[in-house]
Structure formats: structure tokens, C-alpha cells
PDB file of N, CA and C in Angstrom:
ATOM      1  N   MET A   1      51.778 -80.848  49.348  1.00  0.00           N
ATOM      2  CA  MET A   1      51.263 -80.033  50.430  1.00  0.00           C
ATOM      3  C   MET A   1      49.962 -79.377  49.981  1.00  0.00           C
ATOM      4  N   ALA A   2      48.934 -79.487  50.760  1.00  0.00           N
ATOM      5  CA  ALA A   2      47.632 -78.919  50.426  1.00  0.00           C
ATOM      6  C   ALA A   2      47.590 -77.450  50.834  1.00  0.00           C
ATOM      7  N   SER A   3      46.893 -76.661  50.057  1.00  0.00           N
ATOM      8  CA  SER A   3      46.773 -75.241  50.379  1.00  0.00           C
ATOM      9  C   SER A   3      45.472 -74.992  51.138  1.00  0.00           C
ATOM     10  N   ALA A   4      45.378 -73.804  51.719  1.00  0.00           N
ATOM     11  CA  ALA A   4      44.193 -73.456  52.501  1.00  0.00           C
ATOM     12  C   ALA A   4      42.952 -73.310  51.628  1.00  0.00           C
ATOM     13  N   THR A   5      43.148 -73.106  50.341  1.00  0.00           N
ATOM     14  CA  THR A   5      42.009 -72.916  49.445  1.00  0.00           C
ATOM     15  C   THR A   5      41.560 -74.212  48.799  1.00  0.00           C
ATOM     16  N   GLY A   6      42.157 -75.316  49.208  1.00  0.00           N
ATOM     17  CA  GLY A   6      41.740 -76.591  48.640  1.00  0.00           C
ATOM     18  C   GLY A   6      42.411 -76.895  47.320  1.00  0.00           C
ATOM     19  N   GLY A   7      43.398 -76.124  46.946  1.00  0.00           N
ATOM     20  CA  GLY A   7      44.151 -76.388  45.732  1.00  0.00           C
ATOM     21  C   GLY A   7      43.491 -75.925  44.453  1.00  0.00           C
ATOM     22  N   LYS A   8      42.303 -75.340  44.508  1.00  0.00           N
ATOM     23  CA  LYS A   8      41.627 -74.875  43.307  1.00  0.00           C
ATOM     24  C   LYS A   8      42.001 -73.425  43.040  1.00  0.00           C
ATOM     25  N   ARG A   9      42.288 -73.150  41.811  1.00  0.00           N
ATOM     26  CA  ARG A   9      42.583 -71.779  41.400  1.00  0.00           C
ATOM     27  C   ARG A   9      41.511 -71.336  40.411  1.00  0.00           C
ATOM     28  N   ALA A  10      41.234 -70.041  40.452  1.00  0.00           N
ATOM     29  CA  ALA A  10      40.268 -69.509  39.488  1.00  0.00           C
ATOM     30  C   ALA A  10      40.882 -69.548  38.100  1.00  0.00           C
ATOM     31  N   THR A  11      40.153 -70.046  37.167  1.00  0.00           N
ATOM     32  CA  THR A  11      40.603 -70.070  35.780  1.00  0.00           C
ATOM     33  C   THR A  11      39.602 -69.281  34.962  1.00  0.00           C
ATOM     34  N   PRO A  12      40.023 -68.805  33.810  1.00  0.00           N
ATOM     35  CA  PRO A  12      39.077 -68.077  32.973  1.00  0.00           C
ATOM     36  C   PRO A  12      37.803 -68.866  32.705  1.00  0.00           C
ATOM     37  N   LYS A  13      37.896 -70.183  32.597  1.00  0.00           N
ATOM     38  CA  LYS A  13      36.709 -70.999  32.364  1.00  0.00           C
ATOM     39  C   LYS A  13      35.732 -70.870  33.532  1.00  0.00           C
ATOM     40  N   ASN A  14      36.263 -70.819  34.769  1.00  0.00           N
ATOM     41  CA  ASN A  14      35.410 -70.684  35.946  1.00  0.00           C
ATOM     42  C   ASN A  14      34.793 -69.294  36.050  1.00  0.00           C
ATOM     43  N   ASP A  15      35.413 -68.307  35.420  1.00  0.00           N
ATOM     44  CA  ASP A  15      34.939 -66.932  35.499  1.00  0.00           C
ATOM     45  C   ASP A  15      33.985 -66.552  34.369  1.00  0.00           C
ATOM     46  N   LEU A  16      33.686 -67.481  33.482  1.00  0.00           N
ATOM     47  CA  LEU A  16      32.814 -67.170  32.355  1.00  0.00           C
ATOM     48  C   LEU A  16      31.364 -67.087  32.796  1.00  0.00           C
ATOM     49  N   LYS A  17      30.661 -66.141  32.199  1.00  0.00           N
ATOM     50  CA  LYS A  17      29.217 -66.075  32.410  1.00  0.00           C
ATOM     51  C   LYS A  17      28.555 -67.129  31.530  1.00  0.00           C
ATOM     52  N   ASN A  18      27.264 -67.240  31.630  1.00  0.00           N
ATOM     53  CA  ASN A  18      26.533 -68.243  30.850  1.00  0.00           C
ATOM     54  C   ASN A  18      26.702 -68.071  29.348  1.00  0.00           C
ATOM     55  N   ASN A  19      26.855 -66.824  28.888  1.00  0.00           N
ATOM     56  CA  ASN A  19      26.942 -66.598  27.441  1.00  0.00           C
ATOM     57  C   ASN A  19      28.372 -66.683  26.915  1.00  0.00           C
ATOM     58  N   GLY A  20      29.340 -67.085  27.749  1.00  0.00           N
ATOM     59  CA  GLY A  20      30.705 -67.261  27.282  1.00  0.00           C
ATOM     60  C   GLY A  20      31.550 -66.000  27.328  1.00  0.00           C
ATOM     61  N   VAL A  21      31.048 -64.938  27.926  1.00  0.00           N
ATOM     62  CA  VAL A  21      31.798 -63.685  28.027  1.00  0.00           C
ATOM     63  C   VAL A  21      32.428 -63.615  29.409  1.00  0.00           C
ATOM     64  N   LEU A  22      33.650 -63.097  29.492  1.00  0.00           N
ATOM     65  CA  LEU A  22      34.316 -62.965  30.779  1.00  0.00           C
ATOM     66  C   LEU A  22      33.542 -62.030  31.686  1.00  0.00           C
ATOM     67  N   SER A  23      33.648 -62.259  32.973  1.00  0.00           N
ATOM     68  CA  SER A  23      32.944 -61.440  33.956  1.00  0.00           C
ATOM     69  C   SER A  23      33.474 -60.009  33.954  1.00  0.00           C
ATOM     70  N   PRO A  24      32.735 -59.049  34.539  1.00  0.00           N
ATOM     71  CA  PRO A  24      33.122 -57.633  34.512  1.00  0.00           C
ATOM     72  C   PRO A  24      34.505 -57.352  35.084  1.00  0.00           C
ATOM     73  N   LYS A  25      34.976 -58.179  36.024  1.00  0.00           N
ATOM     74  CA  LYS A  25      36.306 -57.909  36.574  1.00  0.00           C
ATOM     75  C   LYS A  25      37.401 -58.055  35.519  1.00  0.00           C
ATOM     76  N   HIS A  26      37.103 -58.706  34.422  1.00  0.00           N
ATOM     77  CA  HIS A  26      38.076 -58.849  33.346  1.00  0.00           C
ATOM     78  C   HIS A  26      37.973 -57.726  32.316  1.00  0.00           C
ATOM     79  N   ASN A  27      36.919 -56.933  32.383  1.00  0.00           N
ATOM     80  CA  ASN A  27      36.740 -55.850  31.423  1.00  0.00           C
ATOM     81  C   ASN A  27      37.347 -54.576  32.008  1.00  0.00           C
ATOM     82  N   ILE A  28      38.664 -54.494  31.965  1.00  0.00           N
ATOM     83  CA  ILE A  28      39.389 -53.390  32.589  1.00  0.00           C
ATOM     84  C   ILE A  28      39.072 -52.061  31.912  1.00  0.00           C
ATOM     85  N   ASP A  29      38.966 -52.052  30.591  1.00  0.00           N
ATOM     86  CA  ASP A  29      38.681 -50.803  29.882  1.00  0.00           C
ATOM     87  C   ASP A  29      37.345 -50.207  30.312  1.00  0.00           C
ATOM     88  N   ALA A  30      36.336 -51.037  30.431  1.00  0.00           N
ATOM     89  CA  ALA A  30      35.021 -50.551  30.851  1.00  0.00           C
ATOM     90  C   ALA A  30      35.062 -50.052  32.290  1.00  0.00           C
ATOM     91  N   ALA A  31      35.767 -50.765  33.151  1.00  0.00           N
ATOM     92  CA  ALA A  31      35.886 -50.342  34.551  1.00  0.00           C
ATOM     93  C   ALA A  31      36.635 -49.018  34.647  1.00  0.00           C
ATOM     94  N   ARG A  32      37.669 -48.885  33.842  1.00  0.00           N
ATOM     95  CA  ARG A  32      38.458 -47.645  33.838  1.00  0.00           C
ATOM     96  C   ARG A  32      37.606 -46.476  33.363  1.00  0.00           C
ATOM     97  N   GLU A  33      36.854 -46.654  32.289  1.00  0.00           N
ATOM     98  CA  GLU A  33      36.003 -45.577  31.781  1.00  0.00           C
ATOM     99  C   GLU A  33      34.910 -45.208  32.780  1.00  0.00           C
ATOM    100  N   ALA A  34      34.362 -46.205  33.464  1.00  0.00           N
ATOM    101  CA  ALA A  34      33.348 -45.925  34.491  1.00  0.00           C
ATOM    102  C   ALA A  34      33.952 -45.087  35.613  1.00  0.00           C
ATOM    103  N   TYR A  35      35.172 -45.404  35.995  1.00  0.00           N
ATOM    104  CA  TYR A  35      35.860 -44.625  37.030  1.00  0.00           C
ATOM    105  C   TYR A  35      36.087 -43.193  36.553  1.00  0.00           C
ATOM    106  N   TYR A  36      36.539 -43.026  35.320  1.00  0.00           N
ATOM    107  CA  TYR A  36      36.751 -41.679  34.772  1.00  0.00           C
ATOM    108  C   TYR A  36      35.444 -40.886  34.783  1.00  0.00           C
ATOM    109  N   ASP A  37      34.336 -41.533  34.450  1.00  0.00           N
ATOM    110  CA  ASP A  37      33.031 -40.864  34.475  1.00  0.00           C
ATOM    111  C   ASP A  37      32.661 -40.420  35.885  1.00  0.00           C
ATOM    112  N   ARG A  38      32.924 -41.297  36.870  1.00  0.00           N
ATOM    113  CA  ARG A  38      32.602 -40.944  38.266  1.00  0.00           C
ATOM    114  C   ARG A  38      33.424 -39.765  38.756  1.00  0.00           C
ATOM    115  N   ILE A  39      34.726 -39.742  38.470  1.00  0.00           N
ATOM    116  CA  ILE A  39      35.559 -38.650  38.986  1.00  0.00           C
ATOM    117  C   ILE A  39      35.359 -37.360  38.208  1.00  0.00           C
ATOM    118  N   SER A  40      34.839 -37.456  36.987  1.00  0.00           N
ATOM    119  CA  SER A  40      34.618 -36.237  36.201  1.00  0.00           C
ATOM    120  C   SER A  40      33.555 -35.349  36.839  1.00  0.00           C
ATOM    121  N   LYS A  41      32.675 -35.924  37.648  1.00  0.00           N
ATOM    122  CA  LYS A  41      31.659 -35.142  38.356  1.00  0.00           C
ATOM    123  C   LYS A  41      32.286 -34.213  39.388  1.00  0.00           C
ATOM    124  N   PHE A  42      33.524 -34.501  39.772  1.00  0.00           N
ATOM    125  CA  PHE A  42      34.253 -33.675  40.725  1.00  0.00           C
ATOM    126  C   PHE A  42      35.330 -32.835  40.029  1.00  0.00           C
ATOM    127  N   ASP A  43      35.178 -32.658  38.703  1.00  0.00           N
ATOM    128  CA  ASP A  43      36.152 -31.936  37.873  1.00  0.00           C
ATOM    129  C   ASP A  43      37.543 -32.541  37.994  1.00  0.00           C
ATOM    130  N   MET A  44      37.602 -33.846  37.999  1.00  0.00           N
ATOM    131  CA  MET A  44      38.869 -34.564  38.075  1.00  0.00           C
ATOM    132  C   MET A  44      39.048 -35.410  36.822  1.00  0.00           C
ATOM    133  N   ALA A  45      40.321 -35.659  36.500  1.00  0.00           N
ATOM    134  CA  ALA A  45      40.650 -36.517  35.366  1.00  0.00           C
ATOM    135  C   ALA A  45      42.035 -37.103  35.606  1.00  0.00           C
ATOM    136  N   PRO A  46      42.334 -38.257  35.022  1.00  0.00           N
ATOM    137  CA  PRO A  46      43.661 -38.836  35.181  1.00  0.00           C
ATOM    138  C   PRO A  46      44.718 -37.949  34.529  1.00  0.00           C
ATOM    139  N   LEU A  47      45.853 -37.827  35.191  1.00  0.00           N
ATOM    140  CA  LEU A  47      46.917 -36.963  34.692  1.00  0.00           C
ATOM    141  C   LEU A  47      47.377 -37.373  33.302  1.00  0.00           C
ATOM    142  N   TRP A  48      47.436 -38.694  33.048  1.00  0.00           N
ATOM    143  CA  TRP A  48      47.922 -39.149  31.747  1.00  0.00           C
ATOM    144  C   TRP A  48      46.979 -38.795  30.612  1.00  0.00           C
ATOM    145  N   LYS A  49      45.721 -38.495  30.914  1.00  0.00           N
ATOM    146  CA  LYS A  49      44.803 -38.043  29.866  1.00  0.00           C
ATOM    147  C   LYS A  49      44.889 -36.529  29.695  1.00  0.00           C
ATOM    148  N   VAL A  50      45.055 -35.822  30.805  1.00  0.00           N
ATOM    149  CA  VAL A  50      45.117 -34.362  30.761  1.00  0.00           C
ATOM    150  C   VAL A  50      46.410 -33.898  30.090  1.00  0.00           C
ATOM    151  N   MET A  51      47.489 -34.567  30.394  1.00  0.00           N
ATOM    152  CA  MET A  51      48.801 -34.146  29.893  1.00  0.00           C
ATOM    153  C   MET A  51      49.340 -35.083  28.815  1.00  0.00           C
ATOM    154  N   LYS A  52      48.459 -35.641  28.008  1.00  0.00           N
ATOM    155  CA  LYS A  52      48.903 -36.624  27.020  1.00  0.00           C
ATOM    156  C   LYS A  52      49.884 -36.044  25.999  1.00  0.00           C
ATOM    157  N   SER A  53      49.841 -34.744  25.764  1.00  0.00           N
ATOM    158  CA  SER A  53      50.796 -34.158  24.825  1.00  0.00           C
ATOM    159  C   SER A  53      52.153 -33.914  25.473  1.00  0.00           C
ATOM    160  N   VAL A  54      52.215 -33.907  26.807  1.00  0.00           N
ATOM    161  CA  VAL A  54      53.474 -33.690  27.515  1.00  0.00           C
ATOM    162  C   VAL A  54      54.164 -35.021  27.810  1.00  0.00           C
ATOM    163  N   VAL A  55      53.394 -36.007  28.187  1.00  0.00           N
ATOM    164  CA  VAL A  55      53.934 -37.318  28.530  1.00  0.00           C
ATOM    165  C   VAL A  55      53.792 -38.213  27.298  1.00  0.00           C
ATOM    166  N   THR A  56      54.841 -38.271  26.500  1.00  0.00           N
ATOM    167  CA  THR A  56      54.805 -39.037  25.253  1.00  0.00           C
ATOM    168  C   THR A  56      55.723 -40.253  25.362  1.00  0.00           C
ATOM    169  N   LYS A  57      55.506 -41.218  24.501  1.00  0.00           N
ATOM    170  CA  LYS A  57      56.351 -42.417  24.502  1.00  0.00           C
ATOM    171  C   LYS A  57      57.756 -42.093  24.016  1.00  0.00           C
ATOM    172  N   GLU A  58      57.849 -41.164  23.096  1.00  0.00           N
ATOM    173  CA  GLU A  58      59.141 -40.730  22.581  1.00  0.00           C
ATOM    174  C   GLU A  58      59.220 -39.216  22.692  1.00  0.00           C
ATOM    175  N   PRO A  59      60.434 -38.677  22.839  1.00  0.00           N
ATOM    176  CA  PRO A  59      60.567 -37.222  22.938  1.00  0.00           C
ATOM    177  C   PRO A  59      60.023 -36.517  21.688  1.00  0.00           C
ATOM    178  N   VAL A  60      59.355 -35.407  21.923  1.00  0.00           N
ATOM    179  CA  VAL A  60      58.829 -34.590  20.832  1.00  0.00           C
ATOM    180  C   VAL A  60      59.371 -33.177  21.046  1.00  0.00           C
ATOM    181  N   THR A  61      59.992 -32.630  20.042  1.00  0.00           N
ATOM    182  CA  THR A  61      60.568 -31.297  20.190  1.00  0.00           C
ATOM    183  C   THR A  61      60.232 -30.427  18.994  1.00  0.00           C
ATOM    184  N   ARG A  62      60.114 -29.138  19.253  1.00  0.00           N
ATOM    185  CA  ARG A  62      59.899 -28.181  18.170  1.00  0.00           C
ATOM    186  C   ARG A  62      61.194 -27.460  17.837  1.00  0.00           C
ATOM    187  N   CYS A  63      62.285 -27.813  18.528  1.00  0.00           N
ATOM    188  CA  CYS A  63      63.582 -27.167  18.306  1.00  0.00           C
ATOM    189  C   CYS A  63      64.160 -27.588  16.963  1.00  0.00           C
ATOM    190  N   VAL A  64      64.849 -26.663  16.339  1.00  0.00           N
ATOM    191  CA  VAL A  64      65.522 -26.932  15.073  1.00  0.00           C
ATOM    192  C   VAL A  64      67.003 -26.680  15.288  1.00  0.00           C
ATOM    193  N   PRO A  65      67.856 -27.633  14.960  1.00  0.00           N
ATOM    194  CA  PRO A  65      69.292 -27.417  15.161  1.00  0.00           C
ATOM    195  C   PRO A  65      69.827 -26.319  14.239  1.00  0.00           C
ATOM    196  N   VAL A  66      70.747 -25.527  14.779  1.00  0.00           N
ATOM    197  CA  VAL A  66      71.347 -24.435  14.014  1.00  0.00           C
ATOM    198  C   VAL A  66      72.847 -24.431  14.287  1.00  0.00           C
ATOM    199  N   ILE A  67      73.621 -24.156  13.263  1.00  0.00           N
ATOM    200  CA  ILE A  67      75.069 -24.030  13.427  1.00  0.00           C
ATOM    201  C   ILE A  67      75.420 -22.553  13.339  1.00  0.00           C
ATOM    202  N   TRP A  68      76.067 -22.040  14.381  1.00  0.00           N
ATOM    203  CA  TRP A  68      76.537 -20.661  14.415  1.00  0.00           C
ATOM    204  C   TRP A  68      78.055 -20.692  14.193  1.00  0.00           C
ATOM    205  N   HIS A  69      78.497 -20.145  13.062  1.00  0.00           N
ATOM    206  CA  HIS A  69      79.927 -20.089  12.770  1.00  0.00           C
ATOM    207  C   HIS A  69      80.495 -18.827  13.409  1.00  0.00           C
ATOM    208  N   TYR A  70      81.586 -18.991  14.128  1.00  0.00           N
ATOM    209  CA  TYR A  70      82.178 -17.892  14.870  1.00  0.00           C
ATOM    210  C   TYR A  70      82.482 -16.698  13.956  1.00  0.00           C
ATOM    211  N   GLU A  71      83.044 -16.942  12.797  1.00  0.00           N
ATOM    212  CA  GLU A  71      83.409 -15.857  11.873  1.00  0.00           C
ATOM    213  C   GLU A  71      82.176 -15.040  11.454  1.00  0.00           C
ATOM    214  N   ASP A  72      81.019 -15.651  11.405  1.00  0.00           N
ATOM    215  CA  ASP A  72      79.794 -14.945  10.988  1.00  0.00           C
ATOM    216  C   ASP A  72      79.239 -14.070  12.093  1.00  0.00           C
ATOM    217  N   VAL A  73      79.458 -14.429  13.344  1.00  0.00           N
ATOM    218  CA  VAL A  73      78.782 -13.716  14.433  1.00  0.00           C
ATOM    219  C   VAL A  73      79.728 -12.923  15.345  1.00  0.00           C
ATOM    220  N   LYS A  74      81.038 -13.014  15.147  1.00  0.00           N
ATOM    221  CA  LYS A  74      81.948 -12.294  16.053  1.00  0.00           C
ATOM    222  C   LYS A  74      81.799 -10.788  15.846  1.00  0.00           C
ATOM    223  N   SER A  75      82.017 -10.049  16.929  1.00  0.00           N
ATOM    224  CA  SER A  75      81.897  -8.594  16.834  1.00  0.00           C
ATOM    225  C   SER A  75      83.245  -7.994  16.499  1.00  0.00           C
ATOM    226  N   GLY A  76      83.193  -6.867  15.850  1.00  0.00           N
ATOM    227  CA  GLY A  76      84.404  -6.136  15.723  1.00  0.00           C
ATOM    228  C   GLY A  76      85.028  -5.870  14.489  1.00  0.00           C
TER     229      GLY A  76
END
């Protein structure tokens, strides 16, 4: 069955510039940084950058476990 696009799909080879580098749509990091620069003019920033110490890959705690023995702390 033939598709409406003629059966051709974009491949990385078709998206290469003359010098062998992928086109800008493949440079996600650069596009992301450009977006961050644009929104920074409005005093905006991505939440994951602003709260990077709160949103961690693993839990981070400053709590220290303590054992309270009843005989040591009971009143009376």
C-alpha cells in the first residue's frame, strides 16, 4: 500500500548539511538554551532549573535517625 508521502521517510542522511553536521532541528540542547535565553528577558526560567535542589533523582535528606529509649525519657 502506498502512502500519501510517496513512501519516503526523512533519514539522518537526508537531514545533513553540506559539511556533514545535522541540521539545527537535531541540536536540541542549543534550541533549549536559546529558548531559556528568550524567556529570561521576561524574568522566567524553567522550573527544573530553578528548583534543581528540590527535584532530585534520589531523595536527599538532612535528617539523622535517633533512637529514644523510653526509660531515658519517661517522666517521674
